[in-house]
Amino acid sequence: MNRIKTLLFVIIMLNMTQISAQNTLDRISVKANSFISKNGKKVVFRGLNTSDPAKLVNQNHWNKAYFTEIKHWGANIVRFPVHPTAWTKLGKEKYLKLLDDGIKWATELNLYVIIDWHSIGNLQTEMYQSDMYDTTLKQTYDFWRTIAVKYGANTTVAFYELFNEPTTYNNTLGTASWDKWKAINEELITIIRANKGEGIPLVAGFNWAYDLTPVLENPINAEGIAYVSHPYPEKREKPWEAQWTKDWGFIKDNYPLILTEIGFCGPEDPGAHSPVISDESYGDAITNYADEKEISYVVWVFDPEWAPRLFEDWNYKPSRHGKYFKKKLQSYASDK
């Protein structure tokens, strides 16, 4: 009887190991200016932003069905925006449980994950665009220590976006220097790696994560990282492409680049505000530019309330912006 029990236990464990192996994604790493998989193949990410997991769980939509819909839209990556105030209010233990669930569902659907510390403002003065983004240097350092310890070996969690959108808001939040911002990011990367965080740190520039020009002369002193831009339509006037190259596209000559927020909406759309007001011509321009240069991108935002919203209701009826990007993301799968 004991032998039978032992044999059954071994069979169960082997099955669990097999299932676990099937649900493990390759570790993504950096080689030159590209993201690569374990076998050295280039990977270009195209995906969707969730809204804050704390918001979604409160509305009973932080579930596998939500992730299944994201996969159906054609994504191969999903970005989790973690607002500091939500992290504080819920507490580490409860918030990490939300992340555990999201990462599990993403893994089961072969979706990679970006964890994003979703603050907007000036971390150097600790002044922010609104109260929901309030954080401190200490909390930011501790957040990334926590994430590195918890998910450092998890291959699904491919990226750590260190700070969402740095901005002085035209100096209303004080001044900021690239040298200080560079030092803060290098400190964050040191903390992450000392705590065995194996994911790729993502570094954003100023002007709400749009402007990466300081990198040309003074790049982050760390290997295996990538840079971020959020090139919303009204950051520059048409034609966009030459200015994009000058402001952030040049990065791809030497480093991997991922546009972790893109999107547009018409002036009639709920929540429309100037940085995102445009039309399908922006969609064509930004996706063509990214595809030509093998730049990864993630569309904002898979939610019916936050703008620019990708769908109108919880039946996932695409908005104008959503129709465009759903068709575009699905086209990559059909091209293979």
Protein backbone atom coordinates (compact mmCIF):
# COMPACT_ATOMS: atom_id res chain seq x y z
CA MET A 1 0.00 0.00 0.00
CA ASN A 2 2.83 2.38 0.88
CA ARG A 3 4.49 1.65 -2.47
CA ILE A 4 1.25 2.46 -4.29
CA LYS A 5 0.90 5.72 -2.38
CA THR A 6 4.51 6.61 -3.17
CA LEU A 7 4.00 5.82 -6.86
CA LEU A 8 0.83 7.93 -6.99
CA PHE A 9 2.65 10.80 -5.27
CA VAL A 10 5.50 10.62 -7.81
CA ILE A 11 3.04 10.60 -10.72
CA ILE A 12 1.18 13.61 -9.31
CA MET A 13 4.42 15.53 -8.76
CA LEU A 14 5.64 14.74 -12.29
CA ASN A 15 2.35 15.95 -13.73
CA MET A 16 2.53 19.14 -11.67
CA THR A 17 6.11 19.71 -12.83
CA GLN A 18 5.08 19.18 -16.44
CA ILE A 19 2.17 21.62 -16.10
CA SER A 20 4.45 24.13 -14.39
CA ALA A 21 7.04 23.80 -17.16
CA GLN A 22 4.39 24.31 -19.80
CA ASN A 23 3.32 27.51 -18.04
CA THR A 24 6.82 28.96 -17.72
CA LEU A 25 7.78 31.69 -20.17
CA ASP A 26 11.32 32.17 -21.44
CA ARG A 27 13.45 34.74 -19.65
CA ILE A 28 13.69 37.89 -21.78
CA SER A 29 17.06 39.60 -21.84
CA VAL A 30 18.84 42.43 -23.64
CA LYS A 31 21.28 41.98 -26.49
CA ALA A 32 22.55 45.15 -28.15
CA ASN A 33 19.41 47.14 -29.07
CA SER A 34 16.92 44.25 -28.90
CA PHE A 35 14.98 42.08 -26.50
CA ILE A 36 15.78 38.41 -26.99
CA SER A 37 14.33 35.12 -25.79
CA LYS A 38 16.25 32.22 -24.25
CA ASN A 39 17.18 30.85 -27.69
CA GLY A 40 18.48 34.24 -28.84
CA LYS A 41 15.50 35.13 -31.03
CA LYS A 42 14.49 38.80 -31.21
CA VAL A 43 11.18 39.60 -29.50
CA VAL A 44 9.04 42.66 -30.24
CA PHE A 45 6.32 43.29 -27.66
CA ARG A 46 2.91 44.69 -28.54
CA GLY A 47 0.31 44.76 -25.85
CA LEU A 48 -2.15 46.55 -23.59
CA ASN A 49 -2.16 48.42 -20.29
CA THR A 50 -4.53 47.30 -17.58
CA SER A 51 -5.96 49.91 -15.25
CA ASP A 52 -4.75 49.71 -11.66
CA PRO A 53 -5.34 46.18 -10.29
CA ALA A 54 -6.78 47.72 -7.11
CA LYS A 55 -9.42 49.53 -9.19
CA LEU A 56 -10.27 46.40 -11.15
CA VAL A 57 -10.61 44.17 -8.11
CA ASN A 58 -12.95 46.70 -6.50
CA GLN A 59 -15.13 46.49 -9.61
CA ASN A 60 -14.93 42.66 -9.73
CA HIS A 61 -13.02 42.62 -13.02
CA TRP A 62 -9.53 41.54 -11.89
CA ASN A 63 -10.02 37.99 -13.14
CA LYS A 64 -8.86 35.57 -15.79
CA ALA A 65 -11.70 36.55 -18.14
CA TYR A 66 -10.22 40.07 -18.31
CA PHE A 67 -6.80 38.65 -19.23
CA THR A 68 -8.35 36.26 -21.73
CA GLU A 69 -9.90 39.24 -23.52
CA ILE A 70 -6.54 41.02 -23.57
CA LYS A 71 -5.02 37.94 -25.19
CA HIS A 72 -7.92 37.78 -27.66
CA TRP A 73 -7.14 41.33 -28.75
CA GLY A 74 -3.69 40.13 -29.85
CA ALA A 75 -1.42 41.21 -27.00
CA ASN A 76 1.78 39.41 -26.06
CA ILE A 77 2.47 41.65 -23.06
CA VAL A 78 0.44 43.42 -20.38
CA ARG A 79 1.44 46.35 -18.18
CA PHE A 80 0.23 46.70 -14.57
CA PRO A 81 0.16 50.37 -13.40
CA VAL A 82 0.59 50.33 -9.62
CA HIS A 83 -0.38 53.70 -8.13
CA PRO A 84 1.60 54.49 -4.96
CA THR A 85 -1.52 55.56 -3.07
CA ALA A 86 -3.30 52.31 -3.98
CA TRP A 87 -0.22 50.35 -2.86
CA THR A 88 -0.24 52.25 0.45
CA LYS A 89 -3.98 51.98 1.04
CA LEU A 90 -4.24 48.28 0.31
CA GLY A 91 -0.95 47.37 1.97
CA LYS A 92 1.88 45.23 0.60
CA GLU A 93 0.43 41.83 1.44
CA LYS A 94 -2.97 42.42 -0.17
CA TYR A 95 -1.54 44.21 -3.19
CA LEU A 96 1.03 41.48 -3.81
CA LYS A 97 -1.84 38.97 -3.81
CA LEU A 98 -3.41 40.95 -6.68
CA LEU A 99 -0.12 40.88 -8.54
CA ASP A 100 0.25 37.14 -7.83
CA ASP A 101 -3.12 36.50 -9.45
CA GLY A 102 -2.44 38.73 -12.45
CA ILE A 103 0.96 37.18 -13.07
CA LYS A 104 -0.54 33.67 -12.84
CA TRP A 105 -3.26 34.48 -15.39
CA ALA A 106 -0.74 36.17 -17.66
CA THR A 107 1.54 33.15 -17.52
CA GLU A 108 -1.30 30.77 -18.37
CA LEU A 109 -2.06 32.90 -21.44
CA ASN A 110 1.59 33.39 -22.51
CA LEU A 111 1.53 37.10 -21.74
CA TYR A 112 4.63 38.81 -20.40
CA VAL A 113 4.23 41.42 -17.65
CA ILE A 114 5.55 44.92 -16.99
CA ILE A 115 5.19 46.08 -13.39
CA ASP A 116 4.98 49.88 -13.46
CA TRP A 117 5.39 52.24 -10.47
CA HIS A 118 2.66 54.56 -11.69
CA SER A 119 3.49 58.00 -10.38
CA ILE A 120 3.45 61.28 -12.31
CA GLY A 121 5.59 64.14 -11.12
CA ASN A 122 8.97 65.10 -9.74
CA LEU A 123 10.54 62.41 -7.57
CA GLN A 124 13.47 64.76 -6.88
CA THR A 125 11.27 67.29 -5.04
CA GLU A 126 8.60 64.70 -4.11
CA MET A 127 5.88 66.88 -5.66
CA TYR A 128 3.28 65.32 -7.95
CA GLN A 129 0.63 66.11 -10.52
CA SER A 130 -2.15 65.02 -8.16
CA ASP A 131 -2.46 63.36 -4.75
CA MET A 132 -3.01 59.89 -6.24
CA TYR A 133 0.63 59.87 -7.41
CA ASP A 134 2.18 60.81 -4.05
CA THR A 135 5.24 58.81 -3.10
CA THR A 136 8.69 59.28 -1.63
CA LEU A 137 12.18 58.21 -2.62
CA LYS A 138 12.20 55.77 0.29
CA GLN A 139 8.87 54.22 -0.70
CA THR A 140 10.02 53.96 -4.32
CA TYR A 141 13.25 52.24 -3.33
CA ASP A 142 11.34 49.91 -0.99
CA PHE A 143 8.72 49.09 -3.62
CA TRP A 144 11.37 47.89 -6.03
CA ARG A 145 13.19 45.96 -3.32
CA THR A 146 9.89 44.22 -2.55
CA ILE A 147 9.18 43.45 -6.22
CA ALA A 148 12.73 42.15 -6.79
CA VAL A 149 12.57 39.82 -3.79
CA LYS A 150 9.07 38.58 -4.66
CA TYR A 151 9.28 38.25 -8.45
CA GLY A 152 12.99 38.45 -9.26
CA ALA A 153 13.17 34.88 -10.60
CA ASN A 154 9.71 34.95 -12.20
CA THR A 155 10.26 34.91 -15.97
CA THR A 156 6.77 36.22 -16.73
CA VAL A 157 7.66 39.49 -15.00
CA ALA A 158 9.98 40.58 -17.76
CA PHE A 159 10.18 44.32 -17.01
CA TYR A 160 10.35 46.74 -14.09
CA GLU A 161 9.22 50.24 -15.13
CA LEU A 162 10.95 52.27 -12.46
CA PHE A 163 8.82 55.43 -12.59
CA ASN A 164 5.92 56.08 -14.92
CA GLU A 165 6.07 59.74 -15.98
CA PRO A 166 8.75 62.08 -14.64
CA THR A 167 7.76 65.73 -15.08
CA THR A 168 8.29 69.10 -13.44
CA TYR A 169 4.94 70.23 -14.93
CA ASN A 170 6.63 73.35 -16.32
CA ASN A 171 8.53 73.78 -13.02
CA THR A 172 5.33 74.00 -10.97
CA LEU A 173 6.62 70.86 -9.22
CA GLY A 174 10.11 72.30 -8.86
CA THR A 175 13.15 71.70 -11.02
CA ALA A 176 14.86 68.44 -11.93
CA SER A 177 18.22 67.61 -13.45
CA TRP A 178 19.09 64.64 -15.63
CA ASP A 179 22.21 63.98 -13.52
CA LYS A 180 20.09 63.54 -10.39
CA TRP A 181 17.46 61.50 -12.25
CA LYS A 182 20.19 59.30 -13.68
CA ALA A 183 21.60 58.73 -10.19
CA ILE A 184 18.16 57.82 -8.78
CA ASN A 185 17.57 55.28 -11.54
CA GLU A 186 21.03 53.78 -11.11
CA GLU A 187 20.33 53.43 -7.37
CA LEU A 188 17.02 51.69 -8.13
CA ILE A 189 18.73 49.30 -10.54
CA THR A 190 21.41 48.54 -7.94
CA ILE A 191 18.75 47.74 -5.32
CA ILE A 192 16.78 45.55 -7.74
CA ARG A 193 19.80 43.53 -8.79
CA ALA A 194 21.21 43.19 -5.27
CA ASN A 195 17.84 41.70 -4.32
CA LYS A 196 18.06 39.26 -7.24
CA GLY A 197 15.65 40.97 -9.59
CA GLU A 198 16.37 39.38 -12.97
CA GLY A 199 13.90 41.43 -15.05
CA ILE A 200 14.83 44.33 -17.30
CA PRO A 201 14.70 47.80 -15.73
CA LEU A 202 12.90 50.40 -17.87
CA VAL A 203 13.99 54.04 -17.59
CA ALA A 204 11.83 56.98 -18.66
CA GLY A 205 12.86 60.50 -19.59
CA PHE A 206 11.35 63.87 -18.69
CA ASN A 207 8.27 65.66 -20.14
CA TRP A 208 5.85 62.99 -18.96
CA ALA A 209 8.21 60.21 -20.13
CA TYR A 210 8.45 61.63 -23.65
CA ASP A 211 11.92 63.17 -23.93
CA LEU A 212 15.01 60.95 -23.96
CA THR A 213 17.46 63.43 -25.51
CA PRO A 214 19.78 63.55 -22.43
CA VAL A 215 20.58 59.86 -22.99
CA LEU A 216 22.51 60.76 -26.13
CA GLU A 217 25.33 62.32 -24.10
CA ASN A 218 24.76 60.81 -20.67
CA PRO A 219 23.17 57.32 -20.68
CA ILE A 220 22.28 55.31 -17.59
CA ASN A 221 25.38 53.54 -16.30
CA ALA A 222 23.98 50.02 -16.21
CA GLU A 223 23.93 47.06 -18.55
CA GLY A 224 20.87 45.09 -19.59
CA ILE A 225 18.34 47.92 -19.39
CA ALA A 226 15.90 49.53 -21.81
CA TYR A 227 14.39 52.97 -22.23
CA VAL A 228 10.78 54.17 -22.29
CA SER A 229 8.88 56.90 -24.10
CA HIS A 230 5.19 57.91 -24.05
CA PRO A 231 4.77 59.65 -27.42
CA TYR A 232 1.16 60.78 -27.26
CA PRO A 233 -0.09 62.72 -30.33
CA GLU A 234 0.08 66.32 -29.17
CA LYS A 235 3.63 66.12 -27.87
CA ARG A 236 4.62 67.26 -31.36
CA GLU A 237 2.83 68.61 -34.41
CA LYS A 238 2.51 66.67 -37.65
CA PRO A 239 4.52 65.37 -39.34
CA TRP A 240 5.67 63.50 -36.26
CA GLU A 241 8.31 61.11 -37.50
CA ALA A 242 11.40 63.34 -37.79
CA GLN A 243 10.77 64.86 -34.38
CA TRP A 244 10.16 61.44 -32.83
CA THR A 245 13.56 60.32 -34.10
CA LYS A 246 15.20 63.40 -32.58
CA ASP A 247 13.39 63.18 -29.23
CA TRP A 248 13.44 59.42 -28.52
CA GLY A 249 13.67 57.22 -31.63
CA PHE A 250 17.47 57.56 -31.80
CA ILE A 251 17.62 55.40 -28.67
CA LYS A 252 16.93 52.30 -30.79
CA ASP A 253 20.31 52.73 -32.50
CA ASN A 254 21.98 51.49 -29.32
CA TYR A 255 19.40 50.28 -26.79
CA PRO A 256 16.07 48.48 -26.67
CA LEU A 257 13.12 50.85 -26.59
CA ILE A 258 9.52 50.28 -25.51
CA LEU A 259 6.67 52.78 -25.77
CA THR A 260 4.77 51.77 -22.66
CA GLU A 261 1.91 54.19 -23.36
CA ILE A 262 0.49 55.17 -26.74
CA GLY A 263 -3.06 55.96 -27.80
CA PHE A 264 -5.49 58.57 -29.07
CA CYS A 265 -9.09 59.72 -28.71
CA GLY A 266 -11.36 62.22 -30.37
CA PRO A 267 -12.37 65.44 -28.60
CA GLU A 268 -15.86 64.00 -28.14
CA ASP A 269 -14.60 60.95 -26.22
CA PRO A 270 -15.08 60.74 -22.43
CA GLY A 271 -12.07 61.99 -20.51
CA ALA A 272 -10.38 63.42 -23.62
CA HIS A 273 -7.57 65.85 -22.87
CA SER A 274 -5.06 67.53 -25.13
CA PRO A 275 -2.08 65.12 -25.08
CA VAL A 276 -4.19 62.27 -26.50
CA ILE A 277 -6.63 64.03 -28.85
CA SER A 278 -6.05 62.84 -32.40
CA ASP A 279 -7.34 60.28 -34.89
CA GLU A 280 -6.38 57.14 -36.80
CA SER A 281 -3.60 59.01 -38.61
CA TYR A 282 -1.69 58.95 -35.32
CA GLY A 283 -2.31 55.21 -35.00
CA ASP A 284 -0.90 54.64 -38.48
CA ALA A 285 2.10 56.87 -37.85
CA ILE A 286 3.14 55.47 -34.48
CA THR A 287 2.63 51.80 -35.33
CA ASN A 288 4.37 52.11 -38.71
CA TYR A 289 7.28 53.93 -37.07
CA ALA A 290 7.54 51.31 -34.32
CA ASP A 291 7.24 48.37 -36.70
CA GLU A 292 9.89 49.71 -39.06
CA LYS A 293 12.39 50.08 -36.21
CA GLU A 294 11.27 46.98 -34.24
CA ILE A 295 10.22 49.13 -31.29
CA SER A 296 7.90 47.50 -28.75
CA TYR A 297 4.74 49.29 -27.62
CA VAL A 298 1.87 48.97 -25.13
CA VAL A 299 -1.47 50.71 -25.70
CA TRP A 300 -3.24 52.68 -22.95
CA VAL A 301 -5.74 51.60 -21.46
CA PHE A 302 -7.88 48.42 -21.19
CA ASP A 303 -10.67 50.01 -19.19
CA PRO A 304 -14.05 51.64 -20.01
CA GLU A 305 -13.54 54.64 -17.69
CA TRP A 306 -9.93 55.79 -17.88
CA ALA A 307 -8.93 57.70 -21.01
CA PRO A 308 -8.18 57.00 -23.74
CA ARG A 309 -10.40 53.99 -23.08
CA LEU A 310 -10.04 50.95 -25.32
CA PHE A 311 -13.58 49.69 -24.78
CA GLU A 312 -16.92 51.26 -23.86
CA ASP A 313 -18.49 48.73 -21.49
CA TRP A 314 -17.78 45.45 -19.75
CA ASN A 315 -18.97 43.55 -22.81
CA TYR A 316 -15.65 44.79 -24.24
CA LYS A 317 -17.24 46.79 -27.04
CA PRO A 318 -14.24 48.58 -28.60
CA SER A 319 -14.11 52.36 -28.60
CA ARG A 320 -12.89 54.19 -31.72
CA HIS A 321 -9.36 54.00 -30.36
CA GLY A 322 -9.99 50.36 -29.36
CA LYS A 323 -11.23 49.35 -32.81
CA TYR A 324 -8.03 50.66 -34.33
CA PHE A 325 -5.63 48.91 -31.95
CA LYS A 326 -7.57 45.67 -31.67
CA LYS A 327 -7.38 45.28 -35.45
CA LYS A 328 -3.72 46.28 -35.46
CA LEU A 329 -2.66 43.91 -32.68
CA GLN A 330 -4.56 41.01 -34.19
CA SER A 331 -2.88 41.66 -37.55
CA TYR A 332 0.53 40.66 -36.18
CA ALA A 333 -0.71 37.15 -35.42
CA SER A 334 -2.21 36.84 -38.90
CA ASP A 335 1.09 37.94 -40.46
CA LYS A 336 2.98 34.99 -38.98
